[in-house]
């Protein structure tokens, strides 16, 4: 199934509802979305940690990524944060890496096991929403499952 030329806008409330539905045990919430990124808070061990997630689209490489960096409300040694991030992603799917306390998500790699190919024109934050401007999306996981398009009738 192919989808093209779609723009998706997600507010902080939309993302919080999605997080609650898909990962109810995760202690993470989005506080606000500004033009420079998504601001949120998560509970890490016994600390609440503020973070900012910055979506990026690299048109020349046809890649989208989210870089997440944390600001501690209390001084937590950088080595603990980096080690904990690395521990958290060691069993994660390909497309996640930790670079000096920054968690980088390579979205196409994460989506590939689900047979989703994604070409994005824009992935950014504007006017209080995350904007995903999809140029083309191939949903290989649905191939042959739907009664219309791409199959026998």
N, C-alpha and C. Protein backbone atom coordinates (compact mmCIF):
# COMPACT_ATOMS: atom_id res chain seq x y z
N UNK A 1 0.86 -1.17 0.00
CA UNK A 1 0.00 0.00 0.00
C UNK A 1 0.90 1.23 0.00
N UNK A 2 0.58 2.17 -0.86
CA UNK A 2 1.39 3.38 -0.98
C UNK A 2 0.55 4.59 -0.62
N UNK A 3 1.19 5.50 0.14
CA UNK A 3 0.57 6.77 0.51
C UNK A 3 1.54 7.85 0.07
N UNK A 4 1.03 8.92 -0.53
CA UNK A 4 1.93 10.01 -0.92
C UNK A 4 1.29 11.36 -0.65
N UNK A 5 2.15 12.33 -0.47
CA UNK A 5 1.77 13.73 -0.25
C UNK A 5 0.75 13.90 0.87
N UNK A 6 1.18 13.55 2.08
CA UNK A 6 0.34 13.67 3.26
C UNK A 6 1.08 14.50 4.30
N UNK A 7 0.39 15.42 4.94
CA UNK A 7 0.98 16.19 6.03
C UNK A 7 0.26 15.82 7.32
N UNK A 8 1.05 15.47 8.33
CA UNK A 8 0.52 15.08 9.64
C UNK A 8 1.01 16.10 10.65
N UNK A 9 0.09 16.60 11.48
CA UNK A 9 0.45 17.53 12.55
C UNK A 9 0.00 16.92 13.86
N UNK A 10 0.96 16.80 14.79
CA UNK A 10 0.68 16.21 16.11
C UNK A 10 0.95 17.24 17.19
N UNK A 11 -0.05 17.48 18.03
CA UNK A 11 0.13 18.39 19.17
C UNK A 11 0.74 17.61 20.33
N UNK A 12 1.11 18.32 21.40
CA UNK A 12 1.63 17.66 22.60
C UNK A 12 0.58 16.71 23.17
N UNK A 13 -0.68 17.11 23.18
CA UNK A 13 -1.76 16.24 23.67
C UNK A 13 -1.89 14.98 22.82
N UNK A 14 -1.77 15.12 21.50
CA UNK A 14 -1.83 13.96 20.61
C UNK A 14 -0.72 12.96 20.95
N UNK A 15 0.50 13.47 21.12
CA UNK A 15 1.64 12.60 21.40
C UNK A 15 1.49 11.96 22.77
N UNK A 16 1.04 12.72 23.76
CA UNK A 16 0.84 12.15 25.10
C UNK A 16 -0.20 11.03 25.08
N UNK A 17 -1.28 11.22 24.31
CA UNK A 17 -2.30 10.16 24.20
C UNK A 17 -1.72 8.92 23.53
N UNK A 18 -0.91 9.12 22.50
CA UNK A 18 -0.28 7.98 21.82
C UNK A 18 0.66 7.25 22.76
N UNK A 19 1.45 7.99 23.51
CA UNK A 19 2.36 7.37 24.48
C UNK A 19 1.58 6.56 25.51
N UNK A 20 0.49 7.11 25.99
CA UNK A 20 -0.33 6.43 27.00
C UNK A 20 -0.92 5.14 26.43
N UNK A 21 -1.30 5.19 25.16
CA UNK A 21 -1.90 4.01 24.54
C UNK A 21 -0.86 2.93 24.22
N UNK A 22 0.28 3.32 23.66
CA UNK A 22 1.28 2.34 23.22
C UNK A 22 2.25 1.91 24.32
N UNK A 23 2.51 2.79 25.28
CA UNK A 23 3.47 2.48 26.34
C UNK A 23 3.00 3.07 27.67
N UNK A 24 1.95 2.52 28.25
CA UNK A 24 1.36 3.11 29.45
C UNK A 24 2.29 3.09 30.67
N UNK A 25 3.26 2.19 30.70
CA UNK A 25 4.15 2.10 31.85
C UNK A 25 5.34 3.06 31.78
N UNK A 26 5.55 3.67 30.63
CA UNK A 26 6.68 4.59 30.47
C UNK A 26 6.34 5.91 31.14
N UNK A 27 7.22 6.37 31.97
CA UNK A 27 7.02 7.62 32.72
C UNK A 27 7.58 8.79 31.89
N UNK A 28 6.85 9.13 30.84
CA UNK A 28 7.29 10.16 29.91
C UNK A 28 6.09 11.00 29.53
N UNK A 29 6.30 12.32 29.48
CA UNK A 29 5.22 13.19 29.01
C UNK A 29 5.81 14.37 28.24
N UNK A 30 5.05 14.80 27.26
CA UNK A 30 5.44 15.96 26.46
C UNK A 30 4.81 17.18 27.13
N UNK A 31 5.64 18.18 27.38
CA UNK A 31 5.18 19.39 28.05
C UNK A 31 4.71 20.42 27.04
N UNK A 32 5.54 20.66 26.02
CA UNK A 32 5.14 21.60 24.97
C UNK A 32 5.99 21.38 23.73
N UNK A 33 5.48 21.90 22.63
CA UNK A 33 6.20 21.83 21.36
C UNK A 33 6.45 23.25 20.91
N UNK A 34 7.73 23.56 20.73
CA UNK A 34 8.13 24.88 20.24
C UNK A 34 8.79 24.70 18.87
N UNK A 35 9.08 25.80 18.22
CA UNK A 35 9.71 25.72 16.90
C UNK A 35 11.09 25.05 16.96
N UNK A 36 11.76 25.08 18.11
CA UNK A 36 13.10 24.48 18.21
C UNK A 36 13.09 23.04 18.70
N UNK A 37 11.92 22.48 19.03
CA UNK A 37 11.87 21.08 19.43
C UNK A 37 10.71 20.73 20.34
N UNK A 38 10.70 19.47 20.74
CA UNK A 38 9.65 18.93 21.60
C UNK A 38 10.21 18.86 23.01
N UNK A 39 9.59 19.56 23.93
CA UNK A 39 10.05 19.59 25.32
C UNK A 39 9.22 18.62 26.14
N UNK A 40 9.91 17.84 26.95
CA UNK A 40 9.20 16.87 27.76
C UNK A 40 9.95 16.55 29.04
N UNK A 41 9.42 15.58 29.75
CA UNK A 41 10.00 15.18 31.02
C UNK A 41 9.82 13.67 31.17
N UNK A 42 10.86 13.01 31.68
CA UNK A 42 10.71 11.59 31.99
C UNK A 42 11.37 11.29 33.32
N UNK A 43 10.88 10.23 33.94
CA UNK A 43 11.43 9.82 35.23
C UNK A 43 12.53 8.81 34.97
N UNK A 44 13.71 9.09 35.50
CA UNK A 44 14.89 8.26 35.31
C UNK A 44 15.43 7.91 36.69
N UNK A 45 15.34 6.63 37.05
CA UNK A 45 15.68 6.18 38.41
C UNK A 45 14.83 6.99 39.39
N UNK A 46 15.44 7.83 40.19
CA UNK A 46 14.64 8.62 41.14
C UNK A 46 14.56 10.09 40.74
N UNK A 47 15.09 10.43 39.57
CA UNK A 47 15.11 11.82 39.13
C UNK A 47 14.11 12.07 38.01
N UNK A 48 13.57 13.27 38.00
CA UNK A 48 12.81 13.74 36.84
C UNK A 48 13.79 14.50 35.96
N UNK A 49 13.80 14.17 34.69
CA UNK A 49 14.76 14.77 33.77
C UNK A 49 14.00 15.46 32.64
N UNK A 50 14.34 16.71 32.40
CA UNK A 50 13.79 17.44 31.26
C UNK A 50 14.56 17.02 30.02
N UNK A 51 13.87 16.95 28.89
CA UNK A 51 14.56 16.63 27.65
C UNK A 51 14.00 17.49 26.53
N UNK A 52 14.77 17.56 25.47
CA UNK A 52 14.30 18.18 24.24
C UNK A 52 14.59 17.21 23.10
N UNK A 53 13.58 16.98 22.28
CA UNK A 53 13.72 16.11 21.11
C UNK A 53 13.62 17.01 19.88
N UNK A 54 14.64 16.90 19.04
CA UNK A 54 14.68 17.73 17.84
C UNK A 54 14.55 16.85 16.60
N UNK A 55 13.42 16.96 15.90
CA UNK A 55 13.27 16.19 14.66
C UNK A 55 14.06 16.85 13.53
N UNK A 56 14.62 16.02 12.66
CA UNK A 56 15.40 16.50 11.52
C UNK A 56 15.03 15.70 10.28
N UNK A 57 15.08 16.36 9.14
CA UNK A 57 14.98 15.64 7.87
C UNK A 57 16.20 16.03 7.04
N UNK A 58 16.87 15.01 6.56
CA UNK A 58 18.07 15.19 5.73
C UNK A 58 17.69 14.79 4.31
N UNK A 59 17.24 15.75 3.53
CA UNK A 59 16.72 15.46 2.20
C UNK A 59 17.75 14.83 1.29
N UNK A 60 19.01 15.30 1.38
CA UNK A 60 20.06 14.77 0.51
C UNK A 60 20.33 13.29 0.76
N UNK A 61 20.10 12.81 1.98
CA UNK A 61 20.30 11.40 2.31
C UNK A 61 18.98 10.65 2.42
N UNK A 62 17.87 11.34 2.18
CA UNK A 62 16.53 10.78 2.32
C UNK A 62 16.37 10.11 3.68
N UNK A 63 16.76 10.82 4.74
CA UNK A 63 16.70 10.31 6.10
C UNK A 63 15.95 11.26 7.00
N UNK A 64 15.29 10.69 7.99
CA UNK A 64 14.70 11.47 9.07
C UNK A 64 15.25 10.92 10.38
N UNK A 65 15.43 11.80 11.34
CA UNK A 65 15.99 11.38 12.63
C UNK A 65 15.42 12.26 13.73
N UNK A 66 15.50 11.75 14.95
CA UNK A 66 15.12 12.51 16.13
C UNK A 66 16.32 12.46 17.07
N UNK A 67 16.82 13.63 17.46
CA UNK A 67 17.90 13.69 18.43
C UNK A 67 17.32 14.13 19.76
N UNK A 68 17.56 13.32 20.79
CA UNK A 68 17.01 13.59 22.11
C UNK A 68 18.16 13.90 23.04
N UNK A 69 18.11 15.06 23.69
CA UNK A 69 19.13 15.40 24.68
C UNK A 69 18.42 15.78 25.98
N UNK A 70 19.09 15.50 27.08
CA UNK A 70 18.48 15.70 28.39
C UNK A 70 19.16 16.84 29.14
N UNK A 71 18.33 17.52 29.93
CA UNK A 71 18.82 18.53 30.87
C UNK A 71 18.36 18.06 32.23
N UNK A 72 19.29 17.90 33.13
CA UNK A 72 18.95 17.36 34.43
C UNK A 72 18.45 18.44 35.37
N UNK A 73 17.43 18.09 36.13
CA UNK A 73 16.92 19.01 37.14
C UNK A 73 17.81 19.01 38.38
N UNK A 74 18.52 17.90 38.56
CA UNK A 74 19.51 17.80 39.63
C UNK A 74 20.80 17.33 38.97
N UNK A 75 21.94 17.66 39.54
CA UNK A 75 23.19 17.23 38.89
C UNK A 75 23.38 15.71 38.95
N UNK A 76 23.24 15.08 37.81
CA UNK A 76 23.49 13.65 37.68
C UNK A 76 24.79 13.54 36.89
N UNK A 77 25.74 12.76 37.35
CA UNK A 77 26.99 12.63 36.59
C UNK A 77 26.74 12.18 35.16
N UNK A 78 27.40 12.85 34.21
CA UNK A 78 27.22 12.57 32.79
C UNK A 78 27.48 11.10 32.48
N UNK A 79 28.44 10.50 33.15
CA UNK A 79 28.77 9.10 32.87
C UNK A 79 27.59 8.18 33.20
N UNK A 80 26.83 8.49 34.25
CA UNK A 80 25.67 7.67 34.61
C UNK A 80 24.60 7.79 33.54
N UNK A 81 24.34 9.00 33.06
CA UNK A 81 23.33 9.20 32.03
C UNK A 81 23.73 8.47 30.75
N UNK A 82 24.97 8.65 30.32
CA UNK A 82 25.41 8.02 29.08
C UNK A 82 25.39 6.49 29.20
N UNK A 83 25.88 5.97 30.31
CA UNK A 83 25.89 4.52 30.52
C UNK A 83 24.46 3.97 30.56
N UNK A 84 23.56 4.68 31.21
CA UNK A 84 22.17 4.24 31.29
C UNK A 84 21.48 4.27 29.93
N UNK A 85 21.76 5.31 29.15
CA UNK A 85 21.20 5.37 27.80
C UNK A 85 21.72 4.21 26.96
N UNK A 86 23.02 3.93 27.06
CA UNK A 86 23.59 2.82 26.29
C UNK A 86 23.01 1.49 26.73
N UNK A 87 22.81 1.32 28.03
CA UNK A 87 22.21 0.10 28.55
C UNK A 87 20.77 -0.05 28.06
N UNK A 88 20.05 1.05 28.04
CA UNK A 88 18.65 1.03 27.62
C UNK A 88 18.50 0.65 26.15
N UNK A 89 19.46 1.00 25.31
CA UNK A 89 19.33 0.74 23.88
C UNK A 89 20.12 -0.48 23.42
N UNK A 90 20.79 -1.19 24.32
CA UNK A 90 21.61 -2.32 23.86
C UNK A 90 20.78 -3.42 23.22
N UNK A 91 19.55 -3.63 23.65
CA UNK A 91 18.67 -4.64 23.06
C UNK A 91 17.65 -4.02 22.12
N UNK A 92 17.80 -2.76 21.82
CA UNK A 92 16.84 -2.05 20.97
C UNK A 92 17.08 -2.42 19.51
N UNK A 93 16.11 -2.14 18.65
CA UNK A 93 16.30 -2.41 17.22
C UNK A 93 17.37 -1.52 16.64
N UNK A 94 17.86 -1.90 15.45
CA UNK A 94 18.85 -1.07 14.77
C UNK A 94 18.25 0.30 14.51
N UNK A 95 19.11 1.31 14.50
CA UNK A 95 18.65 2.67 14.24
C UNK A 95 18.72 3.55 15.47
N UNK A 96 19.14 2.99 16.62
CA UNK A 96 19.29 3.77 17.85
C UNK A 96 20.76 3.81 18.21
N UNK A 97 21.25 4.97 18.55
CA UNK A 97 22.62 5.06 19.03
C UNK A 97 22.74 6.19 20.04
N UNK A 98 23.71 6.07 20.91
CA UNK A 98 23.95 7.07 21.95
C UNK A 98 25.27 7.76 21.64
N UNK A 99 25.22 9.07 21.52
CA UNK A 99 26.40 9.88 21.26
C UNK A 99 26.49 10.96 22.33
N UNK A 100 27.40 10.80 23.25
CA UNK A 100 27.61 11.79 24.30
C UNK A 100 26.31 12.31 24.90
N UNK A 101 25.55 11.47 25.53
CA UNK A 101 24.31 11.80 26.21
C UNK A 101 23.18 12.21 25.27
N UNK A 102 23.37 11.99 23.98
CA UNK A 102 22.31 12.28 23.01
C UNK A 102 21.86 10.95 22.42
N UNK A 103 20.58 10.70 22.47
CA UNK A 103 19.99 9.50 21.88
C UNK A 103 19.54 9.87 20.48
N UNK A 104 20.08 9.17 19.47
CA UNK A 104 19.73 9.48 18.08
C UNK A 104 18.94 8.31 17.51
N UNK A 105 17.76 8.61 17.01
CA UNK A 105 16.88 7.61 16.43
C UNK A 105 16.90 7.78 14.91
N UNK A 106 17.32 6.74 14.20
CA UNK A 106 17.30 6.78 12.75
C UNK A 106 15.99 6.11 12.32
N UNK A 107 15.00 6.94 12.05
CA UNK A 107 13.62 6.48 11.86
C UNK A 107 13.47 5.46 10.72
N UNK A 108 14.07 5.64 9.53
CA UNK A 108 13.89 4.63 8.49
C UNK A 108 14.40 3.24 8.90
N UNK A 109 15.49 3.17 9.63
CA UNK A 109 16.01 1.89 10.07
C UNK A 109 15.07 1.24 11.07
N UNK A 110 14.50 2.05 11.95
CA UNK A 110 13.55 1.52 12.94
C UNK A 110 12.29 0.98 12.25
N UNK A 111 11.86 1.64 11.18
CA UNK A 111 10.64 1.23 10.48
C UNK A 111 10.84 0.05 9.52
N UNK A 112 12.07 -0.21 9.11
CA UNK A 112 12.32 -1.24 8.09
C UNK A 112 11.85 -2.64 8.49
N UNK A 113 11.97 -3.10 9.75
CA UNK A 113 11.45 -4.44 10.07
C UNK A 113 9.93 -4.56 9.86
N UNK A 114 9.24 -3.43 9.88
CA UNK A 114 7.80 -3.42 9.66
C UNK A 114 7.46 -3.26 8.18
N UNK A 115 8.49 -3.32 7.33
CA UNK A 115 8.34 -3.18 5.88
C UNK A 115 7.72 -1.84 5.51
N UNK A 116 8.16 -0.80 6.19
CA UNK A 116 7.69 0.55 5.90
C UNK A 116 8.86 1.35 5.32
N UNK A 117 8.68 1.85 4.11
CA UNK A 117 9.67 2.72 3.48
C UNK A 117 9.09 4.12 3.49
N UNK A 118 9.87 5.07 3.97
CA UNK A 118 9.36 6.41 4.19
C UNK A 118 10.27 7.45 3.54
N UNK A 119 9.68 8.33 2.75
CA UNK A 119 10.39 9.49 2.21
C UNK A 119 9.67 10.72 2.73
N UNK A 120 10.40 11.54 3.46
CA UNK A 120 9.81 12.69 4.13
C UNK A 120 10.39 13.98 3.57
N UNK A 121 9.51 14.92 3.25
CA UNK A 121 9.96 16.24 2.79
C UNK A 121 10.33 17.13 3.97
N UNK A 122 9.55 17.04 5.05
CA UNK A 122 9.80 17.90 6.21
C UNK A 122 9.43 17.13 7.47
N UNK A 123 10.27 17.26 8.49
CA UNK A 123 10.03 16.67 9.80
C UNK A 123 10.56 17.68 10.79
N UNK A 124 9.66 18.50 11.34
CA UNK A 124 10.09 19.61 12.17
C UNK A 124 8.97 20.02 13.11
N UNK A 125 9.22 21.06 13.87
CA UNK A 125 8.23 21.60 14.80
C UNK A 125 7.86 23.01 14.35
N UNK A 126 6.55 23.27 14.26
CA UNK A 126 6.05 24.59 13.87
C UNK A 126 4.74 24.85 14.61
N UNK A 127 4.60 26.05 15.13
CA UNK A 127 3.33 26.51 15.72
C UNK A 127 2.71 25.51 16.70
N UNK A 128 3.52 24.96 17.59
CA UNK A 128 2.99 24.08 18.63
C UNK A 128 2.66 22.67 18.18
N UNK A 129 3.19 22.25 17.04
CA UNK A 129 2.92 20.89 16.55
C UNK A 129 4.16 20.31 15.88
N UNK A 130 4.25 18.99 15.92
CA UNK A 130 5.26 18.28 15.14
C UNK A 130 4.66 18.09 13.76
N UNK A 131 5.38 18.51 12.73
CA UNK A 131 4.89 18.44 11.36
C UNK A 131 5.69 17.38 10.61
N UNK A 132 4.97 16.42 10.05
CA UNK A 132 5.59 15.39 9.23
C UNK A 132 4.96 15.49 7.85
N UNK A 133 5.74 15.95 6.89
CA UNK A 133 5.27 16.11 5.52
C UNK A 133 5.81 14.92 4.73
N UNK A 134 4.95 13.94 4.49
CA UNK A 134 5.35 12.70 3.84
C UNK A 134 5.25 12.86 2.33
N UNK A 135 6.37 12.63 1.65
CA UNK A 135 6.37 12.65 0.19
C UNK A 135 5.87 11.32 -0.35
N UNK A 136 6.32 10.21 0.29
CA UNK A 136 5.95 8.89 -0.17
C UNK A 136 6.14 7.89 0.97
N UNK A 137 5.20 6.99 1.13
CA UNK A 137 5.28 5.96 2.15
C UNK A 137 4.76 4.65 1.58
N UNK A 138 5.57 3.63 1.64
CA UNK A 138 5.19 2.30 1.17
C UNK A 138 4.99 1.41 2.39
N UNK A 139 3.76 0.92 2.58
CA UNK A 139 3.42 0.08 3.72
C UNK A 139 3.43 -1.37 3.28
N UNK A 140 4.62 -1.95 3.22
CA UNK A 140 4.78 -3.33 2.76
C UNK A 140 4.09 -4.35 3.64
N UNK A 141 3.93 -4.02 4.92
CA UNK A 141 3.30 -4.97 5.84
C UNK A 141 1.83 -5.20 5.51
N UNK A 142 1.20 -4.27 4.78
CA UNK A 142 -0.22 -4.41 4.43
C UNK A 142 -0.43 -5.04 3.06
N UNK A 143 0.67 -5.31 2.35
CA UNK A 143 0.57 -5.84 0.99
C UNK A 143 -0.22 -7.15 1.00
N UNK A 144 -1.27 -7.20 0.22
CA UNK A 144 -2.09 -8.39 0.10
C UNK A 144 -3.10 -8.59 1.22
N UNK A 145 -3.08 -7.72 2.24
CA UNK A 145 -4.00 -7.89 3.36
C UNK A 145 -5.30 -7.13 3.17
N UNK A 146 -5.28 -6.09 2.34
CA UNK A 146 -6.47 -5.28 2.15
C UNK A 146 -7.24 -5.76 0.92
N UNK A 147 -8.56 -5.65 0.96
CA UNK A 147 -9.36 -6.16 -0.16
C UNK A 147 -9.31 -5.28 -1.41
N UNK A 148 -8.63 -4.14 -1.32
CA UNK A 148 -8.57 -3.25 -2.47
C UNK A 148 -7.11 -2.94 -2.80
N UNK A 149 -6.83 -2.69 -4.07
CA UNK A 149 -5.51 -2.26 -4.52
C UNK A 149 -4.41 -3.28 -4.33
N UNK A 150 -3.61 -3.48 -5.35
CA UNK A 150 -2.40 -4.28 -5.27
C UNK A 150 -2.64 -5.77 -5.07
N UNK A 151 -3.83 -6.26 -5.31
CA UNK A 151 -4.08 -7.67 -5.12
C UNK A 151 -5.16 -8.16 -6.05
N UNK A 152 -5.54 -9.42 -5.90
CA UNK A 152 -6.61 -9.97 -6.73
C UNK A 152 -7.96 -9.64 -6.10
N UNK A 153 -8.98 -9.61 -6.91
CA UNK A 153 -10.32 -9.28 -6.42
C UNK A 153 -11.23 -10.45 -6.58
